[in-house]
């Protein structure tokens, strides 16, 4: 049986620029004929992965880097102190190449005395810490040439929770791909947005008394937005990727908590814009995930109160969808800092801590975890 956990959030963000485009402007999109604020899914997934480190052990996490050879080499020298740095690098390259993943040498740029030659993969490579450890152990314990079958076998098991959730794609070795169990939508402004510019000055603390000018001037673009955020976890795929019901439950708990509490850090020192959602709706579904962005195709009128109306529109869209398509969820929960009319008819209200515990326990029960 399929099992999905859908998360919907309404979150207001004050003046900010948490996710920039190539020009340094806050990302945006056109939806329903009006310009909206946007925060990319990649930015928020990165913030969520960083949040995992506060709640999961290193053995449940992974590393995504171009310099995976360095990661493996460091583990090799830890396992066998007799292997020096150059030998560890060579052995790490051999064991990674044996998996089918290409490695290339990068020479330092001319006139760059601070950069040494190093090895990198053709694209960012995502491996779990247990997989990195296992490759290092294989490199240390194997005499002579690394067995390709043994090296490939390392990457067929031992997925970390973050790797199982967000997946892995390796063009060089597609047999090591991992289908993502989670999908995160781009956060979307529920209302029309107009870019604004902050003209700022900085004063030189040591300027002369007769100098009234600024030491620096500039502008930074920002916006304010009430966002609709959506993500879903395919629990069945997560179980396939992890193979352990208890790890799946811990993955669900970590994902739900991180989705709610994390935020991309762009320009945070400038704007101090960290907020939490005002409203979160979580549904457990056995048919398919459903994104309710259609609730905001018609931009919310700011004169009516963006957060309150956005919550109302979200719940209205959910109710209409459930009725029209016989799509009521198996269970619904809400976390809210606002009084919401009629919420009791739609979802059970919980605290964040109770929500995380409830979803983890429900996952364990459905998967038969001990």
Protein backbone atom coordinates (compact mmCIF):
# COMPACT_ATOMS: atom_id res chain seq x y z
CA UNK A 1 0.00 0.00 0.00
CA UNK A 2 1.25 3.47 -0.90
CA UNK A 3 1.76 5.91 1.94
CA UNK A 4 2.44 9.63 1.59
CA UNK A 5 2.90 12.39 4.14
CA UNK A 6 1.99 15.81 2.72
CA UNK A 7 3.08 19.02 4.42
CA UNK A 8 1.52 22.43 3.71
CA UNK A 9 2.66 25.63 5.43
CA UNK A 10 1.73 29.30 5.42
CA UNK A 11 4.76 31.35 6.47
CA UNK A 12 5.20 35.12 6.49
CA UNK A 13 8.69 36.51 5.97
CA UNK A 14 9.56 40.18 6.69
CA UNK A 15 11.95 42.21 4.48
CA UNK A 16 14.43 39.63 3.23
CA UNK A 17 16.41 38.18 0.35
CA UNK A 18 16.79 34.56 1.40
CA UNK A 19 17.22 33.13 -2.10
CA UNK A 20 18.85 35.23 -4.84
CA UNK A 21 18.93 34.91 -8.62
CA UNK A 22 21.97 35.54 -10.82
CA UNK A 23 21.52 39.31 -10.43
CA UNK A 24 21.28 39.23 -6.66
CA UNK A 25 17.53 39.86 -6.69
CA UNK A 26 15.08 37.78 -4.66
CA UNK A 27 13.80 34.95 -6.83
CA UNK A 28 10.29 35.38 -8.19
CA UNK A 29 7.81 33.84 -10.62
CA UNK A 30 4.58 34.68 -12.39
CA UNK A 31 1.54 32.77 -11.13
CA UNK A 32 -2.09 33.51 -11.86
CA UNK A 33 -1.02 36.48 -13.95
CA UNK A 34 0.78 38.30 -11.10
CA UNK A 35 4.37 38.47 -9.93
CA UNK A 36 5.01 36.38 -6.83
CA UNK A 37 7.88 35.84 -4.44
CA UNK A 38 9.59 32.47 -4.81
CA UNK A 39 12.12 30.46 -2.83
CA UNK A 40 13.64 27.55 -4.74
CA UNK A 41 13.20 24.00 -3.53
CA UNK A 42 16.98 23.52 -3.70
CA UNK A 43 17.57 26.34 -1.24
CA UNK A 44 15.07 25.00 1.26
CA UNK A 45 16.25 21.39 0.90
CA UNK A 46 19.78 22.54 1.68
CA UNK A 47 18.49 24.27 4.82
CA UNK A 48 16.62 21.11 5.80
CA UNK A 49 19.69 18.92 5.36
CA UNK A 50 21.66 21.27 7.60
CA UNK A 51 18.92 20.98 10.20
CA UNK A 52 19.18 17.18 10.18
CA UNK A 53 22.61 17.40 11.82
CA UNK A 54 20.98 18.70 15.01
CA UNK A 55 18.72 15.66 15.35
CA UNK A 56 20.40 12.72 13.63
CA UNK A 57 23.68 10.90 14.24
CA UNK A 58 26.53 11.20 11.71
CA UNK A 59 25.98 7.53 10.83
CA UNK A 60 22.51 8.50 9.56
CA UNK A 61 23.80 11.35 7.38
CA UNK A 62 25.84 11.76 4.23
CA UNK A 63 28.23 14.11 2.44
CA UNK A 64 27.70 15.76 -0.95
CA UNK A 65 30.90 17.04 -2.52
CA UNK A 66 33.07 17.15 -5.62
CA UNK A 67 36.05 16.21 -3.44
CA UNK A 68 34.89 12.77 -2.33
CA UNK A 69 38.40 11.42 -2.83
CA UNK A 70 39.55 13.64 0.05
CA UNK A 71 36.74 12.28 2.25
CA UNK A 72 37.68 8.68 1.57
CA UNK A 73 41.41 9.39 1.93
CA UNK A 74 40.85 10.93 5.36
CA UNK A 75 39.03 7.78 6.51
CA UNK A 76 41.84 5.62 5.08
CA UNK A 77 44.49 7.39 7.16
CA UNK A 78 42.28 7.03 10.23
CA UNK A 79 42.00 3.28 9.66
CA UNK A 80 45.73 2.84 8.96
CA UNK A 81 48.11 5.52 10.18
CA UNK A 82 50.94 3.89 8.24
CA UNK A 83 49.41 5.05 4.97
CA UNK A 84 50.62 8.57 4.21
CA UNK A 85 48.58 11.30 2.56
CA UNK A 86 49.67 10.72 -1.04
CA UNK A 87 49.17 6.95 -0.79
CA UNK A 88 45.75 7.48 0.80
CA UNK A 89 44.76 9.79 -2.05
CA UNK A 90 45.86 7.24 -4.62
CA UNK A 91 44.05 4.40 -2.88
CA UNK A 92 40.90 6.50 -2.46
CA UNK A 93 40.95 7.30 -6.18
CA UNK A 94 41.30 3.62 -7.03
CA UNK A 95 38.41 2.46 -4.85
CA UNK A 96 36.09 5.23 -6.05
CA UNK A 97 36.98 4.57 -9.69
CA UNK A 98 36.25 0.88 -9.13
CA UNK A 99 32.61 1.76 -8.42
CA UNK A 100 32.34 3.20 -11.94
CA UNK A 101 32.50 6.83 -10.85
CA UNK A 102 34.96 8.92 -12.84
CA UNK A 103 37.67 10.92 -11.05
CA UNK A 104 39.82 13.61 -12.61
CA UNK A 105 42.83 15.64 -11.48
CA UNK A 106 42.43 19.39 -11.14
CA UNK A 107 45.62 21.39 -11.48
CA UNK A 108 46.05 24.69 -9.64
CA UNK A 109 45.43 27.87 -11.55
CA UNK A 110 48.45 29.84 -12.68
CA UNK A 111 49.84 32.20 -10.04
CA UNK A 112 47.68 30.51 -7.35
CA UNK A 113 50.22 29.48 -4.73
CA UNK A 114 47.55 28.55 -2.18
CA UNK A 115 45.95 25.77 -4.25
CA UNK A 116 47.41 22.30 -4.70
CA UNK A 117 46.48 19.72 -7.29
CA UNK A 118 43.44 17.70 -6.18
CA UNK A 119 41.05 15.04 -7.41
CA UNK A 120 37.35 15.60 -8.03
CA UNK A 121 34.37 13.78 -9.43
CA UNK A 122 32.63 15.02 -12.56
CA UNK A 123 29.63 16.24 -10.54
CA UNK A 124 28.64 16.60 -6.92
CA UNK A 125 28.61 13.12 -5.40
CA UNK A 126 26.31 12.23 -2.51
CA UNK A 127 27.46 9.30 -0.36
CA UNK A 128 26.39 8.28 3.10
CA UNK A 129 28.99 8.29 5.87
CA UNK A 130 28.66 4.49 6.19
CA UNK A 131 29.35 4.15 2.44
CA UNK A 132 32.42 6.38 2.71
CA UNK A 133 33.65 4.30 5.66
CA UNK A 134 33.04 1.07 3.77
CA UNK A 135 34.95 2.26 0.70
CA UNK A 136 37.85 3.32 2.90
CA UNK A 137 37.86 -0.08 4.63
CA UNK A 138 37.80 -1.86 1.28
CA UNK A 139 40.76 0.22 0.13
CA UNK A 140 42.75 -0.60 3.27
CA UNK A 141 41.98 -4.32 3.46
CA UNK A 142 42.42 -5.12 -0.24
CA UNK A 143 45.88 -6.09 -1.42
CA UNK A 144 46.48 -5.00 -4.98
CA UNK A 145 43.72 -4.06 -7.38
CA UNK A 146 40.32 -3.14 -5.97
CA UNK A 147 37.60 -5.61 -6.97
CA UNK A 148 34.95 -3.76 -8.98
CA UNK A 149 32.12 -6.01 -7.82
CA UNK A 150 33.00 -5.44 -4.19
CA UNK A 151 33.28 -1.68 -4.69
CA UNK A 152 29.94 -1.47 -6.46
CA UNK A 153 28.31 -3.53 -3.72
CA UNK A 154 29.26 -0.86 -1.17
CA UNK A 155 27.04 1.71 -2.87
CA UNK A 156 24.07 -0.65 -3.15
CA UNK A 157 23.41 -0.53 0.59
CA UNK A 158 23.96 1.66 3.64
CA UNK A 159 22.01 4.70 2.42
CA UNK A 160 21.81 7.52 4.95
CA UNK A 161 18.49 9.14 5.86
CA UNK A 162 19.23 12.35 3.97
CA UNK A 163 20.39 10.42 0.90
CA UNK A 164 17.28 8.23 1.01
CA UNK A 165 15.05 11.30 1.24
CA UNK A 166 16.67 13.52 -1.38
CA UNK A 167 18.10 10.90 -3.72
CA UNK A 168 21.26 10.57 -5.75
CA UNK A 169 21.91 10.85 -9.50
CA UNK A 170 25.23 9.74 -10.99
CA UNK A 171 25.46 10.12 -14.75
CA UNK A 172 28.71 8.11 -14.88
CA UNK A 173 27.24 5.17 -12.96
CA UNK A 174 23.43 5.21 -13.17
CA UNK A 175 23.19 1.83 -11.42
CA UNK A 176 24.07 3.74 -8.22
CA UNK A 177 21.18 6.20 -8.60
CA UNK A 178 18.77 6.47 -5.67
CA UNK A 179 15.21 7.67 -6.28
CA UNK A 180 14.32 10.54 -3.94
CA UNK A 181 11.62 9.64 -1.42
CA UNK A 182 10.79 13.31 -0.80
CA UNK A 183 9.71 16.13 -3.06
CA UNK A 184 9.87 19.80 -2.05
CA UNK A 185 8.01 22.45 -4.04
CA UNK A 186 9.27 25.96 -4.65
CA UNK A 187 7.81 28.20 -1.96
CA UNK A 188 5.28 30.54 -3.58
CA UNK A 189 4.01 33.94 -2.51
CA UNK A 190 0.25 33.90 -1.95
CA UNK A 191 -0.04 37.53 -3.10
CA UNK A 192 1.44 39.91 -5.65
CA UNK A 193 4.90 41.21 -4.81
CA UNK A 194 6.73 44.40 -5.78
CA UNK A 195 10.55 44.47 -5.54
CA UNK A 196 11.97 47.05 -3.14
CA UNK A 197 15.47 48.47 -2.70
CA UNK A 198 17.28 49.38 0.49
CA UNK A 199 19.71 52.26 0.02
CA UNK A 200 22.29 51.90 2.78
CA UNK A 201 25.36 53.76 4.01
CA UNK A 202 28.20 52.76 6.29
CA UNK A 203 30.22 55.21 8.35
CA UNK A 204 33.98 54.95 8.71
CA UNK A 205 34.67 54.83 12.46
CA UNK A 206 38.04 56.52 11.95
CA UNK A 207 37.11 59.19 9.45
CA UNK A 208 38.34 62.73 10.02
CA UNK A 209 36.10 65.20 11.86
CA UNK A 210 35.65 67.36 8.77
CA UNK A 211 34.43 64.44 6.65
CA UNK A 212 30.64 64.14 6.79
CA UNK A 213 30.41 61.58 3.96
CA UNK A 214 29.80 57.87 4.17
CA UNK A 215 32.58 55.32 4.00
CA UNK A 216 30.42 53.12 1.82
CA UNK A 217 27.06 53.33 0.05
CA UNK A 218 25.06 50.75 -1.81
CA UNK A 219 21.69 49.16 -2.46
CA UNK A 220 20.27 45.72 -1.80
CA UNK A 221 17.03 44.39 -3.27
CA UNK A 222 14.49 42.70 -1.00
CA UNK A 223 10.84 41.80 -0.72
CA UNK A 224 8.29 40.76 1.90
CA UNK A 225 6.07 37.77 1.39
CA UNK A 226 3.57 35.37 2.86
CA UNK A 227 4.56 32.03 1.37
CA UNK A 228 2.75 28.80 0.64
CA UNK A 229 5.17 25.92 1.13
CA UNK A 230 4.58 22.28 0.21
CA UNK A 231 6.50 19.01 0.44
CA UNK A 232 5.68 15.32 0.42
CA UNK A 233 7.36 12.13 1.58
CA UNK A 234 6.73 8.83 -0.18
CA UNK A 235 7.10 6.52 2.80
CA UNK A 236 7.10 3.40 0.62
CA UNK A 237 10.08 4.65 -1.40
CA UNK A 238 11.82 5.74 1.80
CA UNK A 239 11.42 2.21 3.16
CA UNK A 240 12.85 0.80 -0.07
CA UNK A 241 15.86 3.14 0.17
CA UNK A 242 16.57 2.47 3.84
CA UNK A 243 15.31 -1.09 4.37
CA UNK A 244 14.70 -0.50 8.08
CA UNK A 245 11.28 0.60 9.39
CA UNK A 246 12.81 2.31 12.42
CA UNK A 247 15.17 4.32 10.19
CA UNK A 248 12.17 5.24 8.02
CA UNK A 249 10.29 6.55 11.06
CA UNK A 250 13.30 8.57 12.13
CA UNK A 251 13.57 9.93 8.60
CA UNK A 252 9.94 11.02 8.66
CA UNK A 253 10.44 12.72 12.03
CA UNK A 254 13.58 14.53 10.85
CA UNK A 255 11.97 15.63 7.59
CA UNK A 256 8.80 16.98 9.21
CA UNK A 257 10.72 18.86 11.89
CA UNK A 258 13.21 20.31 9.41
CA UNK A 259 10.51 21.35 6.93
CA UNK A 260 8.81 23.39 9.63
CA UNK A 261 11.77 24.92 11.46
CA UNK A 262 14.44 25.46 8.77
CA UNK A 263 14.96 28.46 6.50
CA UNK A 264 17.60 29.34 3.87
CA UNK A 265 20.21 31.70 5.31
CA UNK A 266 20.64 34.15 2.42
CA UNK A 267 21.17 37.74 3.65
CA UNK A 268 20.06 36.75 7.16
CA UNK A 269 22.73 38.95 8.77
CA UNK A 270 21.33 41.90 6.81
CA UNK A 271 17.63 41.33 7.51
CA UNK A 272 17.34 39.06 10.60
CA UNK A 273 14.34 37.49 8.88
CA UNK A 274 14.13 34.05 10.52
CA UNK A 275 10.49 33.13 11.16
CA UNK A 276 8.40 30.04 11.76
CA UNK A 277 5.23 29.15 9.87
CA UNK A 278 1.98 30.56 11.22
CA UNK A 279 0.11 27.47 10.09
CA UNK A 280 1.07 23.92 9.10
CA UNK A 281 -1.30 21.28 7.74
CA UNK A 282 0.00 17.70 7.56
CA UNK A 283 -1.97 14.90 5.94
CA UNK A 284 -1.35 11.16 5.78
CA UNK A 285 -2.50 9.84 2.40
CA UNK A 286 -2.77 6.36 0.89
CA UNK A 287 -3.62 7.43 -2.68
CA UNK A 288 -1.37 10.21 -3.97
CA UNK A 289 0.25 13.47 -2.85
CA UNK A 290 -1.70 16.67 -3.54
CA UNK A 291 -0.24 20.18 -3.80
CA UNK A 292 -2.75 22.94 -2.98
CA UNK A 293 -0.97 25.81 -4.75
CA UNK A 294 -4.14 26.32 -6.79
CA UNK A 295 -5.63 27.99 -3.70
CA UNK A 296 -3.50 31.04 -4.56
CA UNK A 297 -3.89 31.29 -8.32
CA UNK A 298 -5.95 34.38 -7.52
CA UNK A 299 -3.60 36.56 -5.50
CA UNK A 300 -4.66 37.25 -1.92
CA UNK A 301 -5.68 40.86 -1.30
CA UNK A 302 -3.24 42.36 1.25
CA UNK A 303 -5.96 44.65 2.60
CA UNK A 304 -7.69 41.61 4.09
CA UNK A 305 -4.68 40.33 6.05
CA UNK A 306 -2.30 38.07 4.20
CA UNK A 307 -1.67 35.32 6.75
CA UNK A 308 -5.24 34.88 7.94
CA UNK A 309 -6.71 34.88 4.44
CA UNK A 310 -3.97 32.60 3.11
CA UNK A 311 -4.78 30.02 5.81
CA UNK A 312 -8.48 30.31 4.97
CA UNK A 313 -7.81 29.85 1.25
CA UNK A 314 -5.58 26.83 1.90
CA UNK A 315 -8.20 25.08 4.01
CA UNK A 316 -10.90 25.98 1.51
CA UNK A 317 -8.93 24.46 -1.37
CA UNK A 318 -8.26 21.33 0.67
CA UNK A 319 -11.94 20.89 1.57
CA UNK A 320 -13.12 21.47 -2.00
CA UNK A 321 -10.55 19.00 -3.35
CA UNK A 322 -11.48 16.33 -0.82
CA UNK A 323 -15.15 16.66 -1.73
CA UNK A 324 -14.83 16.88 -5.51
CA UNK A 325 -12.34 14.05 -5.94
CA UNK A 326 -13.21 11.77 -2.99
CA UNK A 327 -9.69 12.54 -1.80
CA UNK A 328 -10.01 12.85 1.95
CA UNK A 329 -6.74 11.90 3.70
CA UNK A 330 -6.36 9.01 6.13
CA UNK A 331 -5.39 11.47 8.86
CA UNK A 332 -4.88 15.23 9.21
CA UNK A 333 -2.94 17.27 11.75
CA UNK A 334 -2.30 20.99 12.18
CA UNK A 335 0.20 23.16 14.02
CA UNK A 336 -0.95 26.76 14.28
CA UNK A 337 -0.17 29.98 16.12
CA UNK A 338 -3.41 31.53 14.85
CA UNK A 339 -7.03 30.92 15.76
CA UNK A 340 -8.57 29.28 12.69
CA UNK A 341 -12.33 28.99 12.29
CA UNK A 342 -13.52 25.47 11.56
CA UNK A 343 -10.07 23.89 11.92
CA UNK A 344 -11.38 21.15 14.23
CA UNK A 345 -13.49 19.85 11.35
CA UNK A 346 -10.41 19.46 9.14
CA UNK A 347 -7.50 18.43 11.37
CA UNK A 348 -6.42 17.62 14.91
CA UNK A 349 -4.35 20.47 16.37
CA UNK A 350 -1.01 19.47 17.89
CA UNK A 351 2.20 21.11 19.05
CA UNK A 352 5.28 20.66 16.85
CA UNK A 353 6.77 18.13 19.28
CA UNK A 354 3.55 16.10 19.38
CA UNK A 355 3.20 16.26 15.60
CA UNK A 356 6.69 14.84 15.07
CA UNK A 357 6.10 12.10 17.63
CA UNK A 358 2.68 11.22 16.22
CA UNK A 359 3.89 10.90 12.64
CA UNK A 360 6.91 8.86 13.70
CA UNK A 361 4.75 6.49 15.74
CA UNK A 362 2.18 6.21 12.97
CA UNK A 363 4.93 5.34 10.47
CA UNK A 364 6.28 2.67 12.83
CA UNK A 365 2.82 1.20 13.28
CA UNK A 366 2.07 1.09 9.56
CA UNK A 367 5.47 -0.45 8.72
CA UNK A 368 5.48 -2.85 11.65
CA UNK A 369 8.63 -1.45 13.28
CA UNK A 370 9.39 -2.89 16.69
